[in-house]
């Protein structure tokens, strides 16, 4: 009986410590999802080199995605990330090209087709 009381007392003593260890600390930062290179320019609007860092980030992400796709036997993304009008906007309707889910799509008679580069890699985009 005494050992049960001892275990319950120990649990009550350690319970606040477990809760405190999982609390957010002052200064914790929530980072964007891996692969979101647009955060570089969004968080550093006055930095003239932010666009270079974003381009480098996008190229390294594309190389990593190409390697993974090659290993798994899937289609590979292009190394270029294009600025394309978002799907449903006036510019997308006028020009027949839209960014849908991060992919560049071209309008055809009865639907959409995915845009490919010269090496048959699909273009990725950031919506404007």
N, C-alpha and C. Protein backbone atom coordinates (compact mmCIF):
# COMPACT_ATOMS: atom_id res chain seq x y z
N UNK A 1 0.81 -1.19 0.00
CA UNK A 1 0.00 0.00 0.00
C UNK A 1 0.86 1.26 0.00
N UNK A 2 1.95 1.21 0.74
CA UNK A 2 2.84 2.37 0.82
C UNK A 2 3.54 2.62 -0.50
N UNK A 3 3.85 1.57 -1.22
CA UNK A 3 4.53 1.75 -2.49
C UNK A 3 3.60 2.40 -3.52
N UNK A 4 2.28 2.10 -3.45
CA UNK A 4 1.32 2.75 -4.36
C UNK A 4 1.24 4.25 -4.08
N UNK A 5 1.22 4.58 -2.83
CA UNK A 5 1.19 5.98 -2.44
C UNK A 5 2.45 6.69 -2.91
N UNK A 6 3.59 6.01 -2.80
CA UNK A 6 4.86 6.58 -3.24
C UNK A 6 4.87 6.81 -4.75
N UNK A 7 4.32 5.85 -5.53
CA UNK A 7 4.27 5.97 -6.99
C UNK A 7 3.34 7.12 -7.40
N UNK A 8 2.20 7.23 -6.72
CA UNK A 8 1.28 8.32 -7.05
C UNK A 8 1.88 9.68 -6.72
N UNK A 9 2.58 9.76 -5.61
CA UNK A 9 3.23 11.02 -5.23
C UNK A 9 4.31 11.38 -6.25
N UNK A 10 5.07 10.39 -6.69
CA UNK A 10 6.12 10.62 -7.68
C UNK A 10 5.51 11.11 -9.00
N UNK A 11 4.36 10.50 -9.40
CA UNK A 11 3.70 10.91 -10.64
C UNK A 11 3.19 12.35 -10.54
N UNK A 12 2.66 12.71 -9.41
CA UNK A 12 2.18 14.08 -9.22
C UNK A 12 3.31 15.09 -9.23
N UNK A 13 4.47 14.68 -8.73
CA UNK A 13 5.62 15.58 -8.71
C UNK A 13 6.18 15.76 -10.12
N UNK A 14 6.23 14.68 -10.93
CA UNK A 14 6.83 14.74 -12.25
C UNK A 14 5.88 15.27 -13.32
N UNK A 15 4.58 15.23 -13.08
CA UNK A 15 3.61 15.66 -14.08
C UNK A 15 3.81 17.12 -14.51
N UNK A 16 3.98 18.09 -13.62
CA UNK A 16 4.22 19.46 -14.08
C UNK A 16 5.53 19.61 -14.85
N UNK A 17 6.54 18.82 -14.52
CA UNK A 17 7.82 18.92 -15.23
C UNK A 17 7.68 18.44 -16.67
N UNK A 18 6.87 17.40 -16.88
CA UNK A 18 6.65 16.91 -18.24
C UNK A 18 5.89 17.95 -19.04
N UNK A 19 4.88 18.55 -18.45
CA UNK A 19 4.11 19.58 -19.13
C UNK A 19 4.94 20.81 -19.44
N UNK A 20 5.81 21.20 -18.55
CA UNK A 20 6.65 22.38 -18.76
C UNK A 20 7.70 22.14 -19.84
N UNK A 21 8.18 20.92 -19.96
CA UNK A 21 9.23 20.66 -20.94
C UNK A 21 8.69 20.72 -22.36
N UNK A 22 7.39 20.55 -22.55
CA UNK A 22 6.82 20.57 -23.89
C UNK A 22 6.26 21.94 -24.27
N UNK A 23 6.28 22.88 -23.36
CA UNK A 23 5.76 24.22 -23.65
C UNK A 23 6.72 24.96 -24.57
N UNK A 24 6.18 25.88 -25.35
CA UNK A 24 7.02 26.68 -26.25
C UNK A 24 7.86 27.64 -25.44
N UNK A 25 9.10 27.76 -25.81
CA UNK A 25 10.01 28.68 -25.14
C UNK A 25 9.91 30.04 -25.81
N UNK A 26 10.31 31.05 -25.08
CA UNK A 26 10.35 32.40 -25.63
C UNK A 26 11.38 32.44 -26.75
N UNK A 27 11.01 32.97 -27.88
CA UNK A 27 11.93 33.09 -29.00
C UNK A 27 11.84 31.94 -29.98
N UNK A 28 10.99 30.92 -29.72
CA UNK A 28 10.84 29.85 -30.69
C UNK A 28 10.24 30.42 -31.96
N UNK A 29 10.73 29.95 -33.09
CA UNK A 29 10.29 30.47 -34.38
C UNK A 29 9.65 29.34 -35.15
N UNK A 30 8.52 29.60 -35.77
CA UNK A 30 7.92 28.60 -36.64
C UNK A 30 8.47 28.79 -38.04
N UNK A 31 9.07 27.79 -38.57
CA UNK A 31 9.69 27.87 -39.89
C UNK A 31 8.71 27.41 -40.95
N UNK A 32 8.91 27.90 -42.16
CA UNK A 32 8.05 27.50 -43.28
C UNK A 32 8.36 26.05 -43.64
N UNK A 33 7.50 25.49 -44.44
CA UNK A 33 7.70 24.11 -44.86
C UNK A 33 8.99 24.01 -45.66
N UNK A 34 9.68 22.88 -45.54
CA UNK A 34 10.89 22.73 -46.34
C UNK A 34 10.54 22.80 -47.83
N UNK A 35 11.32 23.49 -48.58
CA UNK A 35 11.07 23.63 -50.00
C UNK A 35 10.34 24.89 -50.36
N UNK A 36 9.92 25.68 -49.42
CA UNK A 36 9.24 26.93 -49.71
C UNK A 36 10.28 28.05 -49.77
N UNK A 37 10.81 28.30 -50.95
CA UNK A 37 11.88 29.28 -51.11
C UNK A 37 11.35 30.71 -51.16
N UNK A 38 10.06 30.88 -51.35
CA UNK A 38 9.53 32.24 -51.42
C UNK A 38 9.60 32.95 -50.07
N UNK A 39 9.77 32.20 -49.00
CA UNK A 39 9.87 32.80 -47.67
C UNK A 39 11.12 33.68 -47.57
N UNK A 40 12.13 33.40 -48.36
CA UNK A 40 13.37 34.18 -48.33
C UNK A 40 13.11 35.62 -48.75
N UNK A 41 12.37 35.80 -49.82
CA UNK A 41 12.08 37.16 -50.28
C UNK A 41 10.98 37.81 -49.47
N UNK A 42 10.04 37.01 -48.97
CA UNK A 42 8.94 37.58 -48.19
C UNK A 42 9.44 38.12 -46.85
N UNK A 43 10.40 37.45 -46.22
CA UNK A 43 10.91 37.89 -44.92
C UNK A 43 12.02 38.92 -45.03
N UNK A 44 12.62 39.08 -46.22
CA UNK A 44 13.71 40.03 -46.42
C UNK A 44 13.42 40.95 -47.59
N UNK A 45 12.38 41.77 -47.53
CA UNK A 45 12.01 42.58 -48.69
C UNK A 45 13.03 43.66 -49.04
N UNK A 46 13.82 44.12 -48.07
CA UNK A 46 14.78 45.18 -48.34
C UNK A 46 16.15 44.64 -48.77
N UNK A 47 16.33 43.34 -48.70
CA UNK A 47 17.62 42.76 -49.06
C UNK A 47 17.71 42.58 -50.57
N UNK A 48 18.69 43.26 -51.23
CA UNK A 48 18.77 43.14 -52.69
C UNK A 48 19.25 41.76 -53.14
N UNK A 49 19.84 40.98 -52.25
CA UNK A 49 20.35 39.66 -52.62
C UNK A 49 19.35 38.55 -52.33
N UNK A 50 18.18 38.89 -51.79
CA UNK A 50 17.20 37.87 -51.43
C UNK A 50 16.76 37.07 -52.66
N UNK A 51 16.64 37.73 -53.82
CA UNK A 51 16.22 37.03 -55.04
C UNK A 51 17.27 36.03 -55.50
N UNK A 52 18.55 36.35 -55.30
CA UNK A 52 19.61 35.41 -55.63
C UNK A 52 19.56 34.19 -54.72
N UNK A 53 19.33 34.43 -53.43
CA UNK A 53 19.23 33.31 -52.49
C UNK A 53 18.01 32.46 -52.79
N UNK A 54 16.89 33.11 -53.18
CA UNK A 54 15.70 32.35 -53.53
C UNK A 54 15.96 31.49 -54.76
N UNK A 55 16.64 32.05 -55.76
CA UNK A 55 16.96 31.28 -56.97
C UNK A 55 17.86 30.09 -56.65
N UNK A 56 18.84 30.32 -55.79
CA UNK A 56 19.73 29.22 -55.39
C UNK A 56 18.95 28.14 -54.63
N UNK A 57 18.05 28.56 -53.76
CA UNK A 57 17.22 27.62 -53.01
C UNK A 57 16.34 26.80 -53.96
N UNK A 58 15.72 27.46 -54.93
CA UNK A 58 14.86 26.77 -55.89
C UNK A 58 15.64 25.78 -56.74
N UNK A 59 16.86 26.15 -57.15
CA UNK A 59 17.67 25.25 -57.96
C UNK A 59 18.11 24.03 -57.15
N UNK A 60 18.49 24.24 -55.89
CA UNK A 60 18.91 23.10 -55.08
C UNK A 60 17.71 22.19 -54.77
N UNK A 61 16.53 22.77 -54.55
CA UNK A 61 15.33 21.95 -54.35
C UNK A 61 15.01 21.15 -55.60
N UNK A 62 15.15 21.79 -56.77
CA UNK A 62 14.86 21.09 -58.03
C UNK A 62 15.84 19.93 -58.24
N UNK A 63 17.13 20.15 -57.95
CA UNK A 63 18.10 19.05 -58.09
C UNK A 63 17.77 17.90 -57.15
N UNK A 64 17.36 18.22 -55.92
CA UNK A 64 17.01 17.16 -54.98
C UNK A 64 15.77 16.40 -55.47
N UNK A 65 14.75 17.13 -55.95
CA UNK A 65 13.54 16.49 -56.45
C UNK A 65 13.82 15.66 -57.69
N UNK A 66 14.73 16.15 -58.56
CA UNK A 66 15.10 15.40 -59.75
C UNK A 66 15.78 14.09 -59.37
N UNK A 67 16.67 14.14 -58.40
CA UNK A 67 17.36 12.93 -57.96
C UNK A 67 16.39 11.91 -57.38
N UNK A 68 15.49 12.37 -56.53
CA UNK A 68 14.51 11.46 -55.94
C UNK A 68 13.60 10.87 -57.02
N UNK A 69 13.15 11.71 -57.96
CA UNK A 69 12.28 11.23 -59.03
C UNK A 69 13.02 10.23 -59.92
N UNK A 70 14.29 10.50 -60.21
CA UNK A 70 15.09 9.58 -61.04
C UNK A 70 15.22 8.22 -60.35
N UNK A 71 15.50 8.24 -59.05
CA UNK A 71 15.66 6.98 -58.31
C UNK A 71 14.35 6.20 -58.29
N UNK A 72 13.23 6.91 -58.13
CA UNK A 72 11.94 6.24 -58.03
C UNK A 72 11.28 5.98 -59.39
N UNK A 73 11.91 6.44 -60.47
CA UNK A 73 11.38 6.21 -61.80
C UNK A 73 10.17 7.06 -62.12
N UNK A 74 10.10 8.24 -61.57
CA UNK A 74 8.98 9.14 -61.79
C UNK A 74 9.40 10.31 -62.67
N UNK A 75 8.43 11.08 -63.19
CA UNK A 75 8.78 12.27 -63.98
C UNK A 75 9.55 13.28 -63.13
N UNK A 76 10.48 13.97 -63.77
CA UNK A 76 11.35 14.90 -63.05
C UNK A 76 10.92 16.34 -63.28
N UNK A 77 11.07 17.20 -62.25
CA UNK A 77 10.76 18.61 -62.44
C UNK A 77 11.88 19.34 -63.15
N UNK A 78 11.55 20.43 -63.80
CA UNK A 78 12.54 21.29 -64.43
C UNK A 78 13.30 22.05 -63.35
N UNK A 79 14.49 22.51 -63.68
CA UNK A 79 15.27 23.29 -62.72
C UNK A 79 14.75 24.72 -62.61
N UNK A 80 13.94 25.16 -63.58
CA UNK A 80 13.43 26.52 -63.57
C UNK A 80 12.08 26.58 -62.88
N UNK A 81 11.89 27.60 -62.05
CA UNK A 81 10.60 27.89 -61.43
C UNK A 81 10.11 29.18 -62.07
N UNK A 82 8.96 29.12 -62.73
CA UNK A 82 8.46 30.24 -63.51
C UNK A 82 7.42 31.04 -62.73
N UNK A 83 7.33 32.34 -63.02
CA UNK A 83 6.26 33.20 -62.50
C UNK A 83 5.12 33.14 -63.51
N UNK A 84 4.02 32.52 -63.11
CA UNK A 84 2.89 32.28 -64.02
C UNK A 84 1.62 32.77 -63.32
N UNK A 85 0.66 33.32 -64.08
CA UNK A 85 -0.60 33.76 -63.46
C UNK A 85 -1.33 32.59 -62.81
N UNK A 86 -1.97 32.86 -61.70
CA UNK A 86 -2.72 31.83 -60.99
C UNK A 86 -3.94 31.40 -61.81
N UNK A 87 -4.37 30.18 -61.62
CA UNK A 87 -5.53 29.64 -62.34
C UNK A 87 -6.77 30.43 -61.97
N UNK A 88 -7.54 30.80 -62.96
CA UNK A 88 -8.78 31.55 -62.74
C UNK A 88 -8.63 33.05 -62.86
N UNK A 89 -7.42 33.55 -62.96
CA UNK A 89 -7.23 34.99 -63.10
C UNK A 89 -7.44 35.41 -64.55
N UNK A 90 -7.61 36.72 -64.75
CA UNK A 90 -7.84 37.25 -66.09
C UNK A 90 -6.63 36.98 -67.00
N UNK A 91 -5.42 37.14 -66.48
CA UNK A 91 -4.21 36.91 -67.29
C UNK A 91 -4.11 35.44 -67.71
N UNK A 92 -4.47 34.52 -66.82
CA UNK A 92 -4.42 33.10 -67.16
C UNK A 92 -5.41 32.78 -68.27
N UNK A 93 -6.58 33.37 -68.23
CA UNK A 93 -7.58 33.14 -69.28
C UNK A 93 -7.13 33.75 -70.59
N UNK A 94 -6.52 34.94 -70.53
CA UNK A 94 -6.09 35.64 -71.75
C UNK A 94 -4.95 34.91 -72.44
N UNK A 95 -3.95 34.49 -71.67
CA UNK A 95 -2.75 33.89 -72.27
C UNK A 95 -2.82 32.37 -72.41
N UNK A 96 -3.75 31.72 -71.74
CA UNK A 96 -3.89 30.28 -71.88
C UNK A 96 -2.84 29.50 -71.11
N UNK A 97 -2.27 30.10 -70.10
CA UNK A 97 -1.29 29.41 -69.25
C UNK A 97 -1.61 29.76 -67.81
N UNK A 98 -1.52 28.76 -66.91
CA UNK A 98 -1.88 29.00 -65.51
C UNK A 98 -1.01 28.16 -64.59
N UNK A 99 -0.87 28.64 -63.37
CA UNK A 99 -0.16 27.90 -62.32
C UNK A 99 -1.21 27.19 -61.48
N UNK A 100 -1.19 25.87 -61.53
CA UNK A 100 -2.17 25.07 -60.79
C UNK A 100 -1.41 24.11 -59.88
N UNK A 101 -1.48 24.36 -58.60
CA UNK A 101 -0.83 23.46 -57.65
C UNK A 101 0.67 23.41 -57.81
N UNK A 102 1.27 24.49 -58.26
CA UNK A 102 2.71 24.52 -58.44
C UNK A 102 3.19 23.98 -59.77
N UNK A 103 2.27 23.64 -60.67
CA UNK A 103 2.62 23.13 -62.00
C UNK A 103 2.14 24.09 -63.06
N UNK A 104 2.92 24.25 -64.12
CA UNK A 104 2.54 25.11 -65.25
C UNK A 104 1.65 24.30 -66.18
N UNK A 105 0.45 24.81 -66.41
CA UNK A 105 -0.51 24.12 -67.27
C UNK A 105 -0.85 25.02 -68.45
N UNK A 106 -0.96 24.41 -69.63
CA UNK A 106 -1.30 25.12 -70.87
C UNK A 106 -2.72 24.76 -71.28
N UNK A 107 -3.47 25.76 -71.69
CA UNK A 107 -4.86 25.56 -72.10
C UNK A 107 -4.90 24.96 -73.49
N UNK A 108 -5.69 23.90 -73.66
CA UNK A 108 -5.94 23.32 -74.99
C UNK A 108 -7.45 23.36 -75.22
N UNK A 109 -7.91 22.84 -76.35
CA UNK A 109 -9.33 22.95 -76.72
C UNK A 109 -10.27 22.45 -75.63
N UNK A 110 -10.03 21.27 -75.12
CA UNK A 110 -10.99 20.67 -74.19
C UNK A 110 -10.40 20.40 -72.80
N UNK A 111 -9.43 21.21 -72.38
CA UNK A 111 -8.86 21.02 -71.05
C UNK A 111 -7.50 21.68 -70.90
N UNK A 112 -6.67 21.05 -70.10
CA UNK A 112 -5.34 21.57 -69.81
C UNK A 112 -4.31 20.48 -70.02
N UNK A 113 -3.10 20.88 -70.41
CA UNK A 113 -1.98 19.95 -70.55
C UNK A 113 -0.80 20.53 -69.79
N UNK A 114 0.01 19.65 -69.24
CA UNK A 114 1.15 20.09 -68.44
C UNK A 114 2.29 20.55 -69.35
N UNK A 115 2.92 21.68 -69.00
CA UNK A 115 4.02 22.23 -69.80
C UNK A 115 5.32 21.49 -69.47
N UNK A 116 6.06 21.13 -70.51
CA UNK A 116 7.33 20.41 -70.34
C UNK A 116 8.46 21.20 -70.99
N UNK A 117 9.67 21.04 -70.47
CA UNK A 117 10.83 21.69 -71.08
C UNK A 117 11.41 20.77 -72.15
N UNK A 118 12.56 21.15 -72.72
CA UNK A 118 13.17 20.38 -73.80
C UNK A 118 13.61 18.98 -73.40
N UNK A 119 13.87 18.77 -72.12
CA UNK A 119 14.28 17.45 -71.63
C UNK A 119 13.11 16.65 -71.09
N UNK A 120 11.89 17.08 -71.39
CA UNK A 120 10.65 16.43 -70.95
C UNK A 120 10.51 16.42 -69.44
N UNK A 121 11.00 17.47 -68.81
CA UNK A 121 10.79 17.67 -67.38
C UNK A 121 9.67 18.68 -67.22
N UNK A 122 8.82 18.47 -66.24
CA UNK A 122 7.68 19.38 -66.05
C UNK A 122 8.12 20.67 -65.36
N UNK A 123 7.55 21.78 -65.83
CA UNK A 123 7.84 23.08 -65.25
C UNK A 123 7.08 23.25 -63.94
N UNK A 124 7.76 23.85 -62.97
CA UNK A 124 7.10 24.24 -61.73
C UNK A 124 6.93 25.76 -61.75
N UNK A 125 6.01 26.25 -60.94
CA UNK A 125 5.72 27.68 -61.00
C UNK A 125 5.39 28.23 -59.61
N UNK A 126 5.43 29.54 -59.56
CA UNK A 126 4.92 30.28 -58.40
C UNK A 126 3.88 31.22 -58.96
N UNK A 127 2.69 31.20 -58.36
CA UNK A 127 1.56 31.98 -58.89
C UNK A 127 1.75 33.45 -58.62
N UNK A 128 1.38 34.28 -59.61
CA UNK A 128 1.42 35.73 -59.44
C UNK A 128 0.03 36.23 -59.19
